[in-house]
């Protein structure tokens, strides 16, 4: 089920089959696998062309894998969204935090991932956060967020 639209690439879920030892678990989590309560195993979302790489990666660590199509491209329903908690719904700015509304602080722009952890979907939420809000909310929030690259 390949898609020809470059803005909405086909997404897959690579699931770990087996129980990794503690060292292997640390390594697979370092590369982006995380424990998913629904699947009751470690998973990683990826583009269709990355599947062979991740299956090989797990095989080298003596772990089986299973691949399925990821549903939810462009949707943000599965987990809570920080974009719905913003005090400044417009997204704030380089010196104004959208989450706490603090003014005259350096802020970084962030983008919110969808239900397949993709960042390249239409109308992805973008907003600015100060350092305090990043520390309090981004790491602890159960959703993928990534900093938007600086543009000249």
C-alpha atoms as a PDB file:
ATOM      1  CA  UNK A   1       0.000   0.000   0.000  1.00  0.00           C
ATOM      2  CA  UNK A   2       2.427   2.643  -1.203  1.00  0.00           C
ATOM      3  CA  UNK A   3       1.400   6.248  -1.564  1.00  0.00           C
ATOM      4  CA  UNK A   4       2.609   8.565  -4.299  1.00  0.00           C
ATOM      5  CA  UNK A   5       2.040  11.766  -2.351  1.00  0.00           C
ATOM      6  CA  UNK A   6       5.447  12.954  -1.005  1.00  0.00           C
ATOM      7  CA  UNK A   7       3.742  15.093   1.663  1.00  0.00           C
ATOM      8  CA  UNK A   8       1.994  12.060   3.169  1.00  0.00           C
ATOM      9  CA  UNK A   9       4.443   9.156   3.064  1.00  0.00           C
ATOM     10  CA  UNK A  10       3.269   5.678   3.860  1.00  0.00           C
ATOM     11  CA  UNK A  11       4.010   5.004   7.537  1.00  0.00           C
ATOM     12  CA  UNK A  12       4.705   1.647   9.156  1.00  0.00           C
ATOM     13  CA  UNK A  13       4.925   0.320  12.706  1.00  0.00           C
ATOM     14  CA  UNK A  14       7.822  -1.997  13.492  1.00  0.00           C
ATOM     15  CA  UNK A  15       6.990  -4.100  16.561  1.00  0.00           C
ATOM     16  CA  UNK A  16       9.529  -6.019  18.619  1.00  0.00           C
ATOM     17  CA  UNK A  17       8.700  -9.698  19.066  1.00  0.00           C
ATOM     18  CA  UNK A  18      10.389 -11.110  22.139  1.00  0.00           C
ATOM     19  CA  UNK A  19      11.624  -9.573  25.341  1.00  0.00           C
ATOM     20  CA  UNK A  20      14.926  -7.700  25.094  1.00  0.00           C
ATOM     21  CA  UNK A  21      17.553  -8.018  27.805  1.00  0.00           C
ATOM     22  CA  UNK A  22      18.224  -4.771  29.738  1.00  0.00           C
ATOM     23  CA  UNK A  23      21.247  -3.726  27.648  1.00  0.00           C
ATOM     24  CA  UNK A  24      19.476  -4.389  24.347  1.00  0.00           C
ATOM     25  CA  UNK A  25      16.393  -2.612  25.661  1.00  0.00           C
ATOM     26  CA  UNK A  26      18.468   0.471  26.417  1.00  0.00           C
ATOM     27  CA  UNK A  27      19.942   0.380  22.911  1.00  0.00           C
ATOM     28  CA  UNK A  28      16.629   0.010  21.087  1.00  0.00           C
ATOM     29  CA  UNK A  29      15.085   2.796  23.163  1.00  0.00           C
ATOM     30  CA  UNK A  30      18.064   5.019  22.315  1.00  0.00           C
ATOM     31  CA  UNK A  31      17.212   4.665  18.604  1.00  0.00           C
ATOM     32  CA  UNK A  32      13.533   5.498  19.037  1.00  0.00           C
ATOM     33  CA  UNK A  33      11.651   2.348  20.028  1.00  0.00           C
ATOM     34  CA  UNK A  34       9.216   2.881  22.897  1.00  0.00           C
ATOM     35  CA  UNK A  35       6.870   0.657  24.883  1.00  0.00           C
ATOM     36  CA  UNK A  36       3.308   0.890  23.577  1.00  0.00           C
ATOM     37  CA  UNK A  37       0.541  -0.147  25.977  1.00  0.00           C
ATOM     38  CA  UNK A  38      -1.848  -1.073  23.166  1.00  0.00           C
ATOM     39  CA  UNK A  39       0.602  -3.423  21.453  1.00  0.00           C
ATOM     40  CA  UNK A  40       2.193  -4.572  24.738  1.00  0.00           C
ATOM     41  CA  UNK A  41       5.639  -4.390  23.161  1.00  0.00           C
ATOM     42  CA  UNK A  42       8.236  -1.894  21.946  1.00  0.00           C
ATOM     43  CA  UNK A  43       7.376  -0.190  18.678  1.00  0.00           C
ATOM     44  CA  UNK A  44       8.803   2.394  16.308  1.00  0.00           C
ATOM     45  CA  UNK A  45       7.035   4.331  13.600  1.00  0.00           C
ATOM     46  CA  UNK A  46       8.950   4.773  10.355  1.00  0.00           C
ATOM     47  CA  UNK A  47       8.585   5.419   6.647  1.00  0.00           C
ATOM     48  CA  UNK A  48       7.938   2.395   4.432  1.00  0.00           C
ATOM     49  CA  UNK A  49      11.445   2.565   2.955  1.00  0.00           C
ATOM     50  CA  UNK A  50      13.015   2.332   6.442  1.00  0.00           C
ATOM     51  CA  UNK A  51      11.349  -0.965   7.397  1.00  0.00           C
ATOM     52  CA  UNK A  52      14.130  -3.242   6.098  1.00  0.00           C
ATOM     53  CA  UNK A  53      16.733  -1.257   8.069  1.00  0.00           C
ATOM     54  CA  UNK A  54      14.823  -1.567  11.360  1.00  0.00           C
ATOM     55  CA  UNK A  55      14.027  -5.260  10.836  1.00  0.00           C
ATOM     56  CA  UNK A  56      17.731  -5.907  10.181  1.00  0.00           C
ATOM     57  CA  UNK A  57      18.645  -3.817  13.234  1.00  0.00           C
ATOM     58  CA  UNK A  58      16.404  -5.973  15.459  1.00  0.00           C
ATOM     59  CA  UNK A  59      17.547  -9.229  13.850  1.00  0.00           C
ATOM     60  CA  UNK A  60      21.193  -8.379  14.621  1.00  0.00           C
ATOM     61  CA  UNK A  61      20.127  -8.054  18.257  1.00  0.00           C
ATOM     62  CA  UNK A  62      18.385 -11.445  18.083  1.00  0.00           C
ATOM     63  CA  UNK A  63      14.908  -9.958  18.304  1.00  0.00           C
ATOM     64  CA  UNK A  64      12.049 -10.841  16.028  1.00  0.00           C
ATOM     65  CA  UNK A  65       9.892  -8.164  14.469  1.00  0.00           C
ATOM     66  CA  UNK A  66       6.489  -7.636  12.964  1.00  0.00           C
ATOM     67  CA  UNK A  67       5.501  -4.836  10.608  1.00  0.00           C
ATOM     68  CA  UNK A  68       2.084  -3.323  10.016  1.00  0.00           C
ATOM     69  CA  UNK A  69       0.661  -0.225   8.386  1.00  0.00           C
ATOM     70  CA  UNK A  70       0.440   2.722  10.775  1.00  0.00           C
ATOM     71  CA  UNK A  71      -2.966   4.330  10.913  1.00  0.00           C
ATOM     72  CA  UNK A  72      -3.601   7.901  11.941  1.00  0.00           C
ATOM     73  CA  UNK A  73      -1.506   9.848   9.419  1.00  0.00           C
ATOM     74  CA  UNK A  74      -2.376  13.509   9.863  1.00  0.00           C
ATOM     75  CA  UNK A  75      -4.553  12.780  12.914  1.00  0.00           C
ATOM     76  CA  UNK A  76      -3.825  13.873  16.475  1.00  0.00           C
ATOM     77  CA  UNK A  77      -6.460  11.983  18.437  1.00  0.00           C
ATOM     78  CA  UNK A  78      -4.562   9.140  20.052  1.00  0.00           C
ATOM     79  CA  UNK A  79      -2.739  11.179  22.705  1.00  0.00           C
ATOM     80  CA  UNK A  80      -3.131  14.586  24.350  1.00  0.00           C
ATOM     81  CA  UNK A  81      -1.894  17.542  22.312  1.00  0.00           C
ATOM     82  CA  UNK A  82       0.039  20.459  23.758  1.00  0.00           C
ATOM     83  CA  UNK A  83      -1.353  22.564  20.918  1.00  0.00           C
ATOM     84  CA  UNK A  84      -4.781  22.381  22.580  1.00  0.00           C
ATOM     85  CA  UNK A  85      -3.369  23.754  25.870  1.00  0.00           C
ATOM     86  CA  UNK A  86      -1.744  26.910  24.483  1.00  0.00           C
ATOM     87  CA  UNK A  87      -2.588  30.212  26.168  1.00  0.00           C
ATOM     88  CA  UNK A  88      -1.675  31.909  22.879  1.00  0.00           C
ATOM     89  CA  UNK A  89      -3.510  29.900  20.202  1.00  0.00           C
ATOM     90  CA  UNK A  90      -1.635  31.757  17.452  1.00  0.00           C
ATOM     91  CA  UNK A  91       1.576  29.961  18.444  1.00  0.00           C
ATOM     92  CA  UNK A  92       3.469  32.736  20.204  1.00  0.00           C
ATOM     93  CA  UNK A  93       6.729  34.038  18.773  1.00  0.00           C
ATOM     94  CA  UNK A  94      10.513  34.042  19.127  1.00  0.00           C
ATOM     95  CA  UNK A  95      10.210  36.030  22.377  1.00  0.00           C
ATOM     96  CA  UNK A  96       6.713  34.981  23.506  1.00  0.00           C
ATOM     97  CA  UNK A  97       5.877  31.495  24.839  1.00  0.00           C
ATOM     98  CA  UNK A  98       2.598  30.119  23.498  1.00  0.00           C
ATOM     99  CA  UNK A  99       2.098  27.771  26.456  1.00  0.00           C
ATOM    100  CA  UNK A 100       2.682  30.045  29.463  1.00  0.00           C
ATOM    101  CA  UNK A 101       2.407  33.424  27.635  1.00  0.00           C
ATOM    102  CA  UNK A 102       5.707  34.641  29.157  1.00  0.00           C
ATOM    103  CA  UNK A 103       7.017  37.638  27.229  1.00  0.00           C
ATOM    104  CA  UNK A 104      10.568  38.799  26.432  1.00  0.00           C
ATOM    105  CA  UNK A 105      12.085  35.308  26.780  1.00  0.00           C
ATOM    106  CA  UNK A 106      13.972  33.452  24.056  1.00  0.00           C
ATOM    107  CA  UNK A 107      11.654  30.786  22.657  1.00  0.00           C
ATOM    108  CA  UNK A 108      12.168  27.957  20.205  1.00  0.00           C
ATOM    109  CA  UNK A 109       9.623  26.860  17.613  1.00  0.00           C
ATOM    110  CA  UNK A 110       8.295  23.289  17.926  1.00  0.00           C
ATOM    111  CA  UNK A 111       6.168  21.105  15.673  1.00  0.00           C
ATOM    112  CA  UNK A 112       3.660  18.518  16.907  1.00  0.00           C
ATOM    113  CA  UNK A 113       3.753  14.975  15.516  1.00  0.00           C
ATOM    114  CA  UNK A 114       0.663  13.100  14.416  1.00  0.00           C
ATOM    115  CA  UNK A 115      -0.606   9.689  15.582  1.00  0.00           C
ATOM    116  CA  UNK A 116       2.108   7.972  13.521  1.00  0.00           C
ATOM    117  CA  UNK A 117       4.884  10.228  14.930  1.00  0.00           C
ATOM    118  CA  UNK A 118       5.176  11.944  11.534  1.00  0.00           C
ATOM    119  CA  UNK A 119       5.991  15.649  11.383  1.00  0.00           C
ATOM    120  CA  UNK A 120       5.343  16.222   7.681  1.00  0.00           C
ATOM    121  CA  UNK A 121       1.569  16.215   7.561  1.00  0.00           C
ATOM    122  CA  UNK A 122      -0.619  19.144   6.417  1.00  0.00           C
ATOM    123  CA  UNK A 123      -1.490  21.719   9.065  1.00  0.00           C
ATOM    124  CA  UNK A 124       0.883  20.346  11.706  1.00  0.00           C
ATOM    125  CA  UNK A 125       0.688  22.531  14.823  1.00  0.00           C
ATOM    126  CA  UNK A 126       3.679  24.831  15.281  1.00  0.00           C
ATOM    127  CA  UNK A 127       4.280  26.939  18.352  1.00  0.00           C
ATOM    128  CA  UNK A 128       7.023  28.646  20.343  1.00  0.00           C
ATOM    129  CA  UNK A 129       8.008  27.501  23.840  1.00  0.00           C
ATOM    130  CA  UNK A 130      10.342  29.016  26.417  1.00  0.00           C
ATOM    131  CA  UNK A 131      13.026  26.868  28.061  1.00  0.00           C
ATOM    132  CA  UNK A 132      10.961  26.308  31.222  1.00  0.00           C
ATOM    133  CA  UNK A 133       7.960  25.002  29.279  1.00  0.00           C
ATOM    134  CA  UNK A 134      10.189  22.757  27.190  1.00  0.00           C
ATOM    135  CA  UNK A 135      11.637  21.207  30.355  1.00  0.00           C
ATOM    136  CA  UNK A 136       8.233  20.838  32.018  1.00  0.00           C
ATOM    137  CA  UNK A 137       6.119  19.691  29.080  1.00  0.00           C
ATOM    138  CA  UNK A 138       7.966  18.408  26.028  1.00  0.00           C
ATOM    139  CA  UNK A 139       9.927  15.583  27.683  1.00  0.00           C
ATOM    140  CA  UNK A 140       7.043  14.513  29.887  1.00  0.00           C
ATOM    141  CA  UNK A 141       4.348  14.751  27.233  1.00  0.00           C
ATOM    142  CA  UNK A 142       3.355  11.453  25.601  1.00  0.00           C
ATOM    143  CA  UNK A 143       3.600  12.655  22.022  1.00  0.00           C
ATOM    144  CA  UNK A 144       6.323  13.374  19.519  1.00  0.00           C
ATOM    145  CA  UNK A 145       7.511  16.972  19.337  1.00  0.00           C
ATOM    146  CA  UNK A 146      10.506  18.230  17.410  1.00  0.00           C
ATOM    147  CA  UNK A 147      12.188  21.608  17.165  1.00  0.00           C
ATOM    148  CA  UNK A 148      11.612  23.385  13.858  1.00  0.00           C
ATOM    149  CA  UNK A 149      14.878  24.087  12.095  1.00  0.00           C
ATOM    150  CA  UNK A 150      16.008  27.690  12.142  1.00  0.00           C
ATOM    151  CA  UNK A 151      15.466  29.495   8.866  1.00  0.00           C
ATOM    152  CA  UNK A 152      17.367  32.473   7.545  1.00  0.00           C
END
